[in-house]
Amino acid sequence: MAVLRAAGNLKRRFPNDDEFVLMLRSIIDVNLCKFLSHDVPLFNGIIGDLFPGVGLPKADYAAMEAALAEACGKHNLQATEYFTLK
């Protein structure tokens, strides 16, 4: 249900974008945070099989990544690549 809500929200924000891309983005956004680091390649393989040839444009998370790095610094945490991805 969460994937459908996310897909609907993306469709409202980007009504002219390809629906395959919007659905792929919503599946990844909803589910990626639930996996452990060693499960991510398997998830990416399944997604690649379900959506062959569908590529996602690189999302611009620069502002969020900068805020995340700042918050990690304040709390004495390391903003590793995996932590930032999740």
N, C-alpha and C. Protein backbone atom coordinates (compact mmCIF):
# COMPACT_ATOMS: atom_id res chain seq x y z
N MET A 1 0.82 -1.18 0.00
CA MET A 1 0.00 0.00 0.00
C MET A 1 0.87 1.26 0.00
N ALA A 2 1.99 1.21 0.73
CA ALA A 2 2.87 2.37 0.80
C ALA A 2 3.47 2.70 -0.56
N VAL A 3 3.77 1.67 -1.34
CA VAL A 3 4.34 1.90 -2.67
C VAL A 3 3.32 2.60 -3.56
N LEU A 4 2.07 2.19 -3.47
CA LEU A 4 1.03 2.84 -4.28
C LEU A 4 0.83 4.29 -3.88
N ARG A 5 0.86 4.56 -2.59
CA ARG A 5 0.75 5.96 -2.14
C ARG A 5 1.92 6.79 -2.63
N ALA A 6 3.12 6.22 -2.51
CA ALA A 6 4.31 6.93 -2.97
C ALA A 6 4.25 7.18 -4.47
N ALA A 7 3.79 6.18 -5.22
CA ALA A 7 3.67 6.33 -6.68
C ALA A 7 2.64 7.40 -7.03
N GLY A 8 1.53 7.42 -6.30
CA GLY A 8 0.52 8.45 -6.54
C GLY A 8 1.04 9.84 -6.24
N ASN A 9 1.79 9.97 -5.16
CA ASN A 9 2.39 11.27 -4.82
C ASN A 9 3.37 11.72 -5.89
N LEU A 10 4.19 10.78 -6.38
CA LEU A 10 5.14 11.14 -7.44
C LEU A 10 4.42 11.52 -8.73
N LYS A 11 3.34 10.82 -9.04
CA LYS A 11 2.59 11.13 -10.26
C LYS A 11 1.96 12.51 -10.19
N ARG A 12 1.49 12.89 -9.00
CA ARG A 12 0.93 14.23 -8.84
C ARG A 12 2.02 15.30 -8.95
N ARG A 13 3.21 15.01 -8.42
CA ARG A 13 4.31 15.99 -8.50
C ARG A 13 4.91 16.08 -9.89
N PHE A 14 4.95 14.94 -10.59
CA PHE A 14 5.57 14.88 -11.92
C PHE A 14 4.60 14.23 -12.91
N PRO A 15 3.53 14.92 -13.28
CA PRO A 15 2.49 14.30 -14.11
C PRO A 15 2.94 13.91 -15.52
N ASN A 16 4.01 14.50 -16.02
CA ASN A 16 4.44 14.21 -17.38
C ASN A 16 5.57 13.19 -17.46
N ASP A 17 6.05 12.71 -16.31
CA ASP A 17 7.14 11.73 -16.31
C ASP A 17 6.62 10.33 -16.64
N ASP A 18 7.52 9.50 -17.12
CA ASP A 18 7.20 8.12 -17.46
C ASP A 18 6.72 7.36 -16.22
N GLU A 19 5.62 6.65 -16.34
CA GLU A 19 5.04 5.94 -15.20
C GLU A 19 5.92 4.79 -14.73
N PHE A 20 6.67 4.16 -15.65
CA PHE A 20 7.59 3.11 -15.23
C PHE A 20 8.66 3.67 -14.31
N VAL A 21 9.17 4.83 -14.65
CA VAL A 21 10.20 5.48 -13.83
C VAL A 21 9.62 5.88 -12.47
N LEU A 22 8.41 6.42 -12.46
CA LEU A 22 7.78 6.82 -11.20
C LEU A 22 7.52 5.61 -10.30
N MET A 23 7.05 4.50 -10.88
CA MET A 23 6.80 3.30 -10.09
C MET A 23 8.10 2.72 -9.57
N LEU A 24 9.13 2.69 -10.40
CA LEU A 24 10.43 2.20 -9.96
C LEU A 24 10.98 3.05 -8.82
N ARG A 25 10.87 4.36 -8.96
CA ARG A 25 11.34 5.27 -7.91
C ARG A 25 10.58 5.03 -6.61
N SER A 26 9.27 4.84 -6.69
CA SER A 26 8.49 4.63 -5.47
C SER A 26 8.83 3.30 -4.81
N ILE A 27 9.04 2.24 -5.59
CA ILE A 27 9.42 0.94 -5.02
C ILE A 27 10.75 1.05 -4.31
N ILE A 28 11.70 1.71 -4.94
CA ILE A 28 13.03 1.85 -4.34
C ILE A 28 12.96 2.72 -3.08
N ASP A 29 12.28 3.85 -3.17
CA ASP A 29 12.21 4.77 -2.03
C ASP A 29 11.54 4.14 -0.82
N VAL A 30 10.51 3.34 -1.05
CA VAL A 30 9.77 2.74 0.06
C VAL A 30 10.52 1.55 0.66
N ASN A 31 11.19 0.77 -0.18
CA ASN A 31 11.75 -0.50 0.30
C ASN A 31 13.24 -0.49 0.63
N LEU A 32 14.02 0.36 0.00
CA LEU A 32 15.47 0.30 0.18
C LEU A 32 15.90 0.48 1.63
N CYS A 33 15.23 1.34 2.35
CA CYS A 33 15.61 1.61 3.73
C CYS A 33 15.36 0.42 4.65
N LYS A 34 14.62 -0.57 4.21
CA LYS A 34 14.30 -1.74 5.03
C LYS A 34 15.35 -2.85 4.94
N PHE A 35 16.27 -2.75 4.00
CA PHE A 35 17.22 -3.82 3.75
C PHE A 35 18.55 -3.59 4.45
N LEU A 36 19.21 -4.69 4.79
CA LEU A 36 20.57 -4.63 5.30
C LEU A 36 21.51 -4.46 4.11
N SER A 37 22.73 -4.05 4.39
CA SER A 37 23.66 -3.72 3.30
C SER A 37 23.91 -4.89 2.36
N HIS A 38 23.96 -6.11 2.87
CA HIS A 38 24.23 -7.25 1.99
C HIS A 38 22.99 -7.66 1.18
N ASP A 39 21.83 -7.14 1.51
CA ASP A 39 20.61 -7.43 0.75
C ASP A 39 20.38 -6.46 -0.40
N VAL A 40 21.04 -5.32 -0.38
CA VAL A 40 20.82 -4.29 -1.40
C VAL A 40 21.17 -4.77 -2.81
N PRO A 41 22.32 -5.46 -3.02
CA PRO A 41 22.58 -5.94 -4.39
C PRO A 41 21.52 -6.92 -4.90
N LEU A 42 21.00 -7.77 -4.03
CA LEU A 42 19.93 -8.68 -4.43
C LEU A 42 18.67 -7.91 -4.81
N PHE A 43 18.33 -6.92 -4.00
CA PHE A 43 17.17 -6.06 -4.30
C PHE A 43 17.36 -5.36 -5.64
N ASN A 44 18.55 -4.82 -5.87
CA ASN A 44 18.81 -4.14 -7.14
C ASN A 44 18.70 -5.11 -8.32
N GLY A 45 19.13 -6.36 -8.13
CA GLY A 45 19.00 -7.36 -9.18
C GLY A 45 17.55 -7.67 -9.49
N ILE A 46 16.73 -7.81 -8.45
CA ILE A 46 15.30 -8.08 -8.65
C ILE A 46 14.64 -6.90 -9.36
N ILE A 47 14.98 -5.69 -8.93
CA ILE A 47 14.41 -4.49 -9.56
C ILE A 47 14.82 -4.44 -11.03
N GLY A 48 16.09 -4.79 -11.31
CA GLY A 48 16.55 -4.80 -12.70
C GLY A 48 15.81 -5.81 -13.56
N ASP A 49 15.44 -6.95 -12.95
CA ASP A 49 14.67 -7.96 -13.68
C ASP A 49 13.22 -7.53 -13.90
N LEU A 50 12.66 -6.83 -12.93
CA LEU A 50 11.27 -6.39 -13.04
C LEU A 50 11.10 -5.20 -13.99
N PHE A 51 12.13 -4.35 -14.06
CA PHE A 51 12.08 -3.15 -14.89
C PHE A 51 13.28 -3.12 -15.83
N PRO A 52 13.36 -4.07 -16.78
CA PRO A 52 14.53 -4.09 -17.67
C PRO A 52 14.55 -2.86 -18.57
N GLY A 53 15.70 -2.25 -18.64
CA GLY A 53 15.87 -1.09 -19.52
C GLY A 53 15.35 0.21 -18.96
N VAL A 54 14.75 0.19 -17.78
CA VAL A 54 14.24 1.42 -17.18
C VAL A 54 15.34 1.98 -16.28
N GLY A 55 15.80 3.16 -16.61
CA GLY A 55 16.84 3.80 -15.82
C GLY A 55 16.27 4.98 -15.05
N LEU A 56 16.74 5.14 -13.85
CA LEU A 56 16.30 6.27 -13.04
C LEU A 56 17.23 7.45 -13.23
N PRO A 57 16.68 8.63 -13.41
CA PRO A 57 17.54 9.80 -13.40
C PRO A 57 18.09 9.99 -11.99
N LYS A 58 19.29 10.50 -11.92
CA LYS A 58 19.94 10.71 -10.62
C LYS A 58 19.15 11.77 -9.85
N ALA A 59 18.72 11.40 -8.66
CA ALA A 59 17.98 12.34 -7.80
C ALA A 59 18.97 13.32 -7.18
N ASP A 60 18.53 14.55 -7.01
CA ASP A 60 19.39 15.58 -6.43
C ASP A 60 19.16 15.63 -4.92
N TYR A 61 20.02 14.94 -4.21
CA TYR A 61 19.93 14.90 -2.75
C TYR A 61 21.04 15.73 -2.09
N ALA A 62 21.60 16.69 -2.80
CA ALA A 62 22.74 17.45 -2.28
C ALA A 62 22.41 18.17 -0.98
N ALA A 63 21.27 18.85 -0.93
CA ALA A 63 20.90 19.58 0.29
C ALA A 63 20.64 18.62 1.45
N MET A 64 19.99 17.50 1.16
CA MET A 64 19.71 16.53 2.22
C MET A 64 21.00 15.88 2.71
N GLU A 65 21.92 15.55 1.80
CA GLU A 65 23.18 14.94 2.19
C GLU A 65 24.03 15.89 3.03
N ALA A 66 24.00 17.18 2.68
CA ALA A 66 24.74 18.16 3.47
C ALA A 66 24.16 18.28 4.87
N ALA A 67 22.83 18.30 4.98
CA ALA A 67 22.20 18.36 6.29
C ALA A 67 22.46 17.09 7.09
N LEU A 68 22.47 15.96 6.42
CA LEU A 68 22.76 14.69 7.09
C LEU A 68 24.18 14.66 7.62
N ALA A 69 25.14 15.11 6.82
CA ALA A 69 26.53 15.15 7.25
C ALA A 69 26.69 16.10 8.45
N GLU A 70 26.01 17.22 8.42
CA GLU A 70 26.08 18.17 9.54
C GLU A 70 25.48 17.57 10.81
N ALA A 71 24.33 16.91 10.68
CA ALA A 71 23.68 16.28 11.84
C ALA A 71 24.55 15.16 12.39
N CYS A 72 25.16 14.37 11.52
CA CYS A 72 26.04 13.30 11.98
C CYS A 72 27.23 13.88 12.73
N GLY A 73 27.79 14.96 12.23
CA GLY A 73 28.91 15.61 12.90
C GLY A 73 28.54 16.11 14.29
N LYS A 74 27.36 16.67 14.43
CA LYS A 74 26.90 17.17 15.73
C LYS A 74 26.71 16.05 16.75
N HIS A 75 26.34 14.86 16.25
CA HIS A 75 26.08 13.74 17.15
C HIS A 75 27.22 12.73 17.17
N ASN A 76 28.37 13.14 16.65
CA ASN A 76 29.57 12.31 16.66
C ASN A 76 29.34 10.97 15.97
N LEU A 77 28.65 10.99 14.84
CA LEU A 77 28.42 9.80 14.03
C LEU A 77 29.16 9.93 12.71
N GLN A 78 29.46 8.79 12.10
CA GLN A 78 30.11 8.79 10.80
C GLN A 78 29.05 8.65 9.70
N ALA A 79 29.09 9.53 8.77
CA ALA A 79 28.15 9.48 7.63
C ALA A 79 28.77 8.62 6.54
N THR A 80 28.75 7.29 6.74
CA THR A 80 29.30 6.37 5.75
C THR A 80 28.41 6.35 4.51
N GLU A 81 28.92 5.79 3.44
CA GLU A 81 28.16 5.75 2.19
C GLU A 81 26.85 4.97 2.39
N TYR A 82 26.91 3.84 3.08
CA TYR A 82 25.71 3.03 3.31
C TYR A 82 24.71 3.78 4.18
N PHE A 83 25.19 4.45 5.23
CA PHE A 83 24.32 5.21 6.12
C PHE A 83 23.64 6.33 5.34
N THR A 84 24.38 7.01 4.51
CA THR A 84 23.83 8.11 3.71
C THR A 84 22.81 7.59 2.70
N LEU A 85 23.09 6.43 2.11
CA LEU A 85 22.17 5.85 1.14
C LEU A 85 20.83 5.51 1.78
N LYS A 86 20.88 4.93 2.97
CA LYS A 86 19.63 4.56 3.66
C LYS A 86 18.88 5.79 4.05
